[in-house]
Amino acid sequence: MGRFEAGFRDRVVVITGGASGIGRALGERFAAEGARVVLADVERDRLEQTAAELGKDSANKDGGGEVVAIPVDVTEPASVEALAAAAYERFGAVHVLINNAGVGAPSAKPWETTPNDWRWVHSVNVFGVAHGVQAFVPRMLASGEPGYVINTASGDGVVNPLPGASVYAASKAAVATLTECLAAQLAADGAPVGVSLFLPGGGLLDTGLWTADRNRPGELARERPRTTPAITVSTLVELAKARGHELRIQPLDALAEQVIAGITAGTYLITSDLAADAATLRERASRLAAGAYPTLTGEGGILS
């Protein structure tokens, strides 16, 4: 398994979905470690702005790393292949790949989803990860250097699926299985490339996932109008307040710190509360063993 005992200085880190949200937080954290960071995203203007801002910030820190922007559409194999070629041409290596790009579909009952909901979400969340693995891992193996692959999933699909977010949850469950298979195959081959599954959590995540429709291709537009209004972080917070509750917003820099620590320790499942997730999975298993429905809540859910 890949190891980075000496830290991340001068290591090359590629992060998809790097223009904002968790991807941006990861880029900032790795740059602070002295890594050379490639941010990749489909939103070109925001991507270039983020890379410029993080590059400027890291240049003012002792040992801060270089940050570059390379546009990518993770749904297109040729685009991801071009990203890998550009990263290797510029730096000669990639040590850490973080397949982080993701989108969410409108919350809906499974029979009220549309074919394009499934095509769009899975083309980004599942095929995007697969394309990253196909483009980068052969190059990482050929180098013979220690490497690491992080695939971002979600507890909403891996630990306890949200019934009201079937499209999103199914995509993240697929990422979890893909990642487990990848880790097993690399280990069987004795490859110096580690693998982790990243489940961002610990509170409400204020990221661009909530407004992912801004990047939805016209040809994959929803075939019929939504029956419920789009939900944003601000509306959720206000709804909770009206009911006497306060929702916790998870700082994204804390998630980036978890990834750094997970890679360093070689932890397979990177999550905010491993013990709680394990307890949930044991409870689901016990319900399955009893012949019961496993999800711990029968209510529809929303993306975390």
Protein backbone atom coordinates (compact mmCIF):
# COMPACT_ATOMS: atom_id res chain seq x y z
CA MET A 1 0.00 0.00 0.00
CA GLY A 2 1.18 3.53 -0.74
CA ARG A 3 2.68 5.37 2.18
CA PHE A 4 3.61 9.02 2.69
CA GLU A 5 5.55 8.94 5.94
CA ALA A 6 7.66 11.89 4.82
CA GLY A 7 4.58 14.00 4.14
CA PHE A 8 3.20 15.49 0.96
CA ARG A 9 5.86 18.03 0.05
CA ASP A 10 6.45 17.96 -3.72
CA ARG A 11 3.93 15.15 -4.17
CA VAL A 12 1.49 15.68 -7.03
CA VAL A 13 -2.19 15.61 -6.07
CA VAL A 14 -5.06 15.63 -8.60
CA ILE A 15 -8.52 16.59 -7.32
CA THR A 16 -11.63 16.45 -9.48
CA GLY A 17 -14.51 18.68 -8.49
CA GLY A 18 -11.78 21.00 -7.27
CA ALA A 19 -13.30 24.38 -8.08
CA SER A 20 -15.41 24.68 -4.95
CA GLY A 21 -16.70 22.96 -1.83
CA ILE A 22 -14.83 19.94 -0.54
CA GLY A 23 -12.54 19.89 -3.58
CA ARG A 24 -11.39 23.44 -2.91
CA ALA A 25 -10.83 22.66 0.78
CA LEU A 26 -8.75 19.62 -0.19
CA GLY A 27 -6.69 21.68 -2.63
CA GLU A 28 -5.99 24.32 -0.01
CA ARG A 29 -4.95 21.73 2.57
CA PHE A 30 -2.63 19.80 0.27
CA ALA A 31 -1.04 23.04 -0.98
CA ALA A 32 -0.36 23.99 2.62
CA GLU A 33 1.44 20.65 2.97
CA GLY A 34 3.73 21.63 0.10
CA ALA A 35 2.10 19.41 -2.52
CA ARG A 36 1.78 20.36 -6.16
CA VAL A 37 -1.96 20.44 -6.68
CA VAL A 38 -3.94 19.97 -9.88
CA LEU A 39 -7.51 21.18 -9.49
CA ALA A 40 -9.86 19.84 -12.17
CA ASP A 41 -13.49 20.82 -12.71
CA VAL A 42 -16.09 21.38 -15.41
CA GLU A 43 -16.69 24.99 -14.25
CA ARG A 44 -13.79 26.70 -15.97
CA ASP A 45 -14.15 30.26 -14.64
CA ARG A 46 -14.61 29.20 -11.04
CA LEU A 47 -11.81 26.65 -11.41
CA GLU A 48 -9.30 29.22 -12.64
CA GLN A 49 -10.32 31.67 -9.92
CA THR A 50 -9.94 29.03 -7.21
CA ALA A 51 -6.53 27.92 -8.46
CA ALA A 52 -5.34 31.53 -8.60
CA GLU A 53 -6.57 32.21 -5.07
CA LEU A 54 -5.11 29.06 -3.57
CA GLY A 55 -1.85 29.49 -5.46
CA LYS A 56 -1.50 33.03 -4.17
CA ASP A 57 -2.28 31.96 -0.62
CA SER A 58 0.12 29.02 -0.68
CA ALA A 59 2.91 31.19 -2.10
CA ASN A 60 2.74 33.26 1.06
CA LYS A 61 3.16 30.26 3.32
CA ASP A 62 6.41 28.55 4.14
CA GLY A 63 6.69 25.61 1.76
CA GLY A 64 3.32 26.21 0.13
CA GLY A 65 2.69 24.20 -3.00
CA GLU A 66 1.94 25.05 -6.59
CA VAL A 67 -1.72 25.03 -7.65
CA VAL A 68 -2.79 24.67 -11.29
CA ALA A 69 -6.17 24.41 -13.00
CA ILE A 70 -7.03 21.89 -15.71
CA PRO A 71 -10.65 21.81 -16.96
CA VAL A 72 -12.24 18.38 -17.15
CA ASP A 73 -15.59 16.77 -17.80
CA VAL A 74 -15.43 13.55 -15.79
CA THR A 75 -18.35 12.07 -17.74
CA GLU A 76 -16.15 11.93 -20.85
CA PRO A 77 -13.34 9.32 -20.87
CA ALA A 78 -11.31 11.38 -23.37
CA SER A 79 -11.50 14.44 -21.13
CA VAL A 80 -10.24 12.51 -18.08
CA GLU A 81 -7.52 10.91 -20.20
CA ALA A 82 -6.46 14.39 -21.33
CA LEU A 83 -6.36 15.50 -17.67
CA ALA A 84 -4.05 12.62 -16.78
CA ALA A 85 -1.82 13.29 -19.79
CA ALA A 86 -1.58 16.99 -18.93
CA ALA A 87 -0.78 16.31 -15.27
CA TYR A 88 1.98 13.84 -16.17
CA GLU A 89 3.36 16.10 -18.87
CA ARG A 90 3.61 19.00 -16.44
CA PHE A 91 4.82 17.21 -13.32
CA GLY A 92 6.05 13.80 -14.47
CA ALA A 93 4.04 11.98 -11.81
CA VAL A 94 0.77 11.82 -9.89
CA HIS A 95 0.96 10.47 -6.35
CA VAL A 96 -2.56 11.12 -5.07
CA LEU A 97 -5.77 10.98 -7.12
CA ILE A 98 -8.98 12.19 -5.47
CA ASN A 99 -12.07 11.35 -7.50
CA ASN A 100 -14.26 13.92 -5.80
CA ALA A 101 -16.55 15.36 -8.50
CA GLY A 102 -20.19 14.68 -7.74
CA VAL A 103 -23.76 15.85 -8.30
CA GLY A 104 -27.13 15.18 -6.74
CA ALA A 105 -30.56 14.61 -8.26
CA PRO A 106 -33.81 16.08 -6.92
CA SER A 107 -35.25 14.17 -3.97
CA ALA A 108 -38.07 12.01 -5.30
CA LYS A 109 -39.78 8.69 -4.86
CA PRO A 110 -38.00 6.11 -7.05
CA TRP A 111 -40.95 5.83 -9.42
CA GLU A 112 -41.04 9.61 -9.77
CA THR A 113 -37.41 9.88 -10.89
CA THR A 114 -36.72 10.13 -14.61
CA PRO A 115 -34.28 8.32 -16.91
CA ASN A 116 -32.22 11.49 -17.29
CA ASP A 117 -31.91 11.82 -13.50
CA TRP A 118 -30.19 8.44 -13.50
CA ARG A 119 -28.12 9.12 -16.62
CA TRP A 120 -26.79 12.44 -15.35
CA VAL A 121 -26.04 11.51 -11.74
CA HIS A 122 -24.43 8.19 -12.57
CA SER A 123 -22.42 9.65 -15.46
CA VAL A 124 -20.74 12.00 -12.97
CA ASN A 125 -20.74 10.09 -9.69
CA VAL A 126 -20.02 6.57 -10.96
CA PHE A 127 -18.58 6.85 -14.46
CA GLY A 128 -16.52 9.86 -13.34
CA VAL A 129 -14.79 7.72 -10.71
CA ALA A 130 -14.34 4.82 -13.13
CA HIS A 131 -12.82 7.13 -15.74
CA GLY A 132 -10.42 8.52 -13.15
CA VAL A 133 -9.29 5.03 -12.18
CA GLN A 134 -8.86 3.98 -15.82
CA ALA A 135 -6.85 7.07 -16.78
CA PHE A 136 -4.60 7.42 -13.74
CA VAL A 137 -4.04 4.06 -12.06
CA PRO A 138 -2.14 2.44 -14.98
CA ARG A 139 0.21 5.43 -15.00
CA MET A 140 0.62 5.29 -11.24
CA LEU A 141 1.44 1.59 -11.40
CA ALA A 142 3.92 2.09 -14.23
CA SER A 143 5.83 4.65 -12.17
CA GLY A 144 6.47 2.18 -9.36
CA GLU A 145 6.18 5.02 -6.83
CA PRO A 146 3.91 4.99 -3.78
CA GLY A 147 0.49 6.31 -4.71
CA TYR A 148 -2.98 6.75 -3.33
CA VAL A 149 -6.53 6.85 -4.69
CA ILE A 150 -9.39 8.45 -2.77
CA ASN A 151 -12.95 8.02 -4.02
CA THR A 152 -15.59 10.28 -2.51
CA ALA A 153 -18.89 8.58 -1.70
CA SER A 154 -21.47 9.35 1.00
CA GLY A 155 -22.88 7.75 4.11
CA ASP A 156 -26.26 8.45 2.52
CA GLY A 157 -25.55 5.67 0.06
CA VAL A 158 -22.99 3.53 1.87
CA VAL A 159 -23.94 3.42 5.55
CA ASN A 160 -27.68 4.09 5.66
CA PRO A 161 -29.28 4.94 2.29
CA LEU A 162 -31.76 7.80 2.11
CA PRO A 163 -35.03 6.46 0.66
CA GLY A 164 -35.94 9.87 -0.74
CA ALA A 165 -32.67 10.23 -2.61
CA SER A 166 -32.62 6.94 -4.49
CA VAL A 167 -30.66 8.16 -7.52
CA TYR A 168 -27.90 9.77 -5.46
CA ALA A 169 -27.77 6.98 -2.87
CA ALA A 170 -27.52 4.30 -5.55
CA SER A 171 -24.66 6.14 -7.25
CA LYS A 172 -22.69 6.41 -4.01
CA ALA A 173 -23.29 2.76 -3.19
CA ALA A 174 -21.83 1.93 -6.60
CA VAL A 175 -18.76 4.05 -5.83
CA ALA A 176 -18.28 2.14 -2.58
CA THR A 177 -18.34 -1.22 -4.36
CA LEU A 178 -16.05 0.00 -7.13
CA THR A 179 -13.59 1.28 -4.51
CA GLU A 180 -13.62 -1.96 -2.53
CA CYS A 181 -12.91 -3.94 -5.69
CA LEU A 182 -10.10 -1.56 -6.66
CA ALA A 183 -8.47 -1.89 -3.25
CA ALA A 184 -8.68 -5.69 -3.35
CA GLN A 185 -7.16 -5.95 -6.83
CA LEU A 186 -4.29 -3.57 -6.06
CA ALA A 187 -3.53 -5.43 -2.83
CA ALA A 188 -3.62 -8.79 -4.62
CA ASP A 189 -1.08 -7.45 -7.12
CA GLY A 190 1.16 -6.12 -4.35
CA ALA A 191 0.92 -2.64 -5.85
CA PRO A 192 2.32 0.33 -3.90
CA VAL A 193 -0.97 2.21 -4.38
CA GLY A 194 -3.30 2.64 -1.44
CA VAL A 195 -7.05 3.17 -1.65
CA SER A 196 -9.56 4.86 0.64
CA LEU A 197 -13.29 5.46 0.52
CA PHE A 198 -14.14 8.96 1.74
CA LEU A 199 -17.54 9.62 3.34
CA PRO A 200 -17.83 13.36 4.05
CA GLY A 201 -20.10 13.98 7.01
CA GLY A 202 -20.27 15.21 10.57
CA GLY A 203 -22.98 17.75 9.82
CA LEU A 204 -24.70 19.56 7.01
CA LEU A 205 -22.33 20.09 4.08
CA ASP A 206 -22.55 23.54 2.52
CA THR A 207 -21.26 22.65 -0.93
CA GLY A 208 -22.22 23.13 -4.56
CA LEU A 209 -23.97 19.74 -4.55
CA TRP A 210 -27.18 21.49 -3.57
CA THR A 211 -27.14 23.60 -6.74
CA ALA A 212 -25.61 21.00 -9.05
CA ASP A 213 -28.33 21.59 -11.64
CA ARG A 214 -26.32 24.62 -12.79
CA ASN A 215 -23.99 22.18 -14.57
CA ARG A 216 -26.60 19.74 -15.83
CA PRO A 217 -26.33 19.31 -19.61
CA GLY A 218 -29.35 20.35 -21.62
CA GLU A 219 -29.60 16.95 -23.28
CA LEU A 220 -29.92 15.38 -19.81
CA ALA A 221 -32.52 17.82 -18.51
CA ARG A 222 -35.28 16.34 -16.41
CA GLU A 223 -38.06 15.05 -18.64
CA ARG A 224 -40.79 16.56 -16.48
CA PRO A 225 -40.92 19.43 -13.96
CA ARG A 226 -40.10 18.88 -10.33
CA THR A 227 -43.08 18.52 -8.03
CA THR A 228 -41.22 20.00 -5.07
CA PRO A 229 -39.02 23.11 -4.91
CA ALA A 230 -35.25 22.76 -4.84
CA ILE A 231 -33.77 22.55 -1.33
CA THR A 232 -30.74 24.62 -0.35
CA VAL A 233 -28.64 24.73 2.79
CA SER A 234 -30.11 28.08 3.79
CA THR A 235 -33.69 26.83 3.44
CA LEU A 236 -32.89 23.75 5.52
CA VAL A 237 -31.33 25.86 8.25
CA GLU A 238 -34.36 28.15 8.32
CA LEU A 239 -36.80 25.24 8.39
CA ALA A 240 -34.90 23.70 11.29
CA LYS A 241 -34.89 26.97 13.21
CA ALA A 242 -38.64 27.32 12.73
CA ARG A 243 -39.02 23.91 14.39
CA GLY A 244 -36.70 24.76 17.25
CA HIS A 245 -33.63 22.93 15.97
CA GLU A 246 -30.17 24.13 15.01
CA LEU A 247 -28.40 22.29 12.24
CA ARG A 248 -24.65 21.89 12.49
CA ILE A 249 -22.67 22.95 9.44
CA GLN A 250 -19.56 20.82 9.01
CA PRO A 251 -16.44 22.92 8.30
CA LEU A 252 -15.00 21.72 5.02
CA ASP A 253 -11.42 22.22 6.18
CA ALA A 254 -12.08 19.58 8.85
CA LEU A 255 -12.99 17.13 6.10
CA ALA A 256 -9.75 17.93 4.27
CA GLU A 257 -7.85 17.25 7.48
CA GLN A 258 -9.55 13.86 7.72
CA VAL A 259 -8.33 12.97 4.24
CA ILE A 260 -4.76 13.99 5.03
CA ALA A 261 -4.84 11.88 8.19
CA GLY A 262 -6.49 8.95 6.40
CA ILE A 263 -3.87 8.80 3.66
CA THR A 264 -1.05 9.09 6.17
CA ALA A 265 -2.44 6.25 8.28
CA GLY A 266 -3.59 4.14 5.35
CA THR A 267 -7.18 4.09 6.68
CA TYR A 268 -9.59 2.49 4.22
CA LEU A 269 -12.79 4.20 5.38
CA ILE A 270 -12.32 7.92 5.99
CA THR A 271 -15.33 9.24 7.87
CA SER A 272 -16.20 11.67 10.66
CA ASP A 273 -17.33 9.01 13.14
CA LEU A 274 -16.17 5.53 12.26
CA ALA A 275 -17.59 3.98 15.44
CA ALA A 276 -21.06 5.41 14.76
CA ASP A 277 -20.99 4.27 11.13
CA ALA A 278 -19.89 0.79 12.18
CA ALA A 279 -22.69 0.63 14.73
CA THR A 280 -25.22 1.62 12.07
CA LEU A 281 -23.93 -1.05 9.71
CA ARG A 282 -24.12 -3.69 12.48
CA GLU A 283 -27.70 -2.68 13.22
CA ARG A 284 -28.60 -2.92 9.52
CA ALA A 285 -26.98 -6.36 9.37
CA SER A 286 -28.95 -7.53 12.42
CA ARG A 287 -32.21 -6.34 10.84
CA LEU A 288 -31.35 -8.15 7.60
CA ALA A 289 -30.53 -11.31 9.56
CA ALA A 290 -33.98 -11.09 11.14
CA GLY A 291 -35.59 -10.75 7.73
CA ALA A 292 -36.49 -7.09 8.32
CA TYR A 293 -36.15 -4.04 6.12
CA PRO A 294 -32.63 -2.68 6.89
CA THR A 295 -32.86 1.11 6.52
CA LEU A 296 -33.13 2.64 9.98
CA THR A 297 -35.73 5.20 8.96
CA GLY A 298 -38.66 4.72 6.66
CA GLU A 299 -38.94 8.42 5.90
CA GLY A 300 -37.73 10.09 2.72
CA GLY A 301 -34.40 11.81 3.01
CA ILE A 302 -32.35 14.62 1.55
CA LEU A 303 -28.72 14.90 0.62
CA SER A 304 -26.30 15.57 3.46
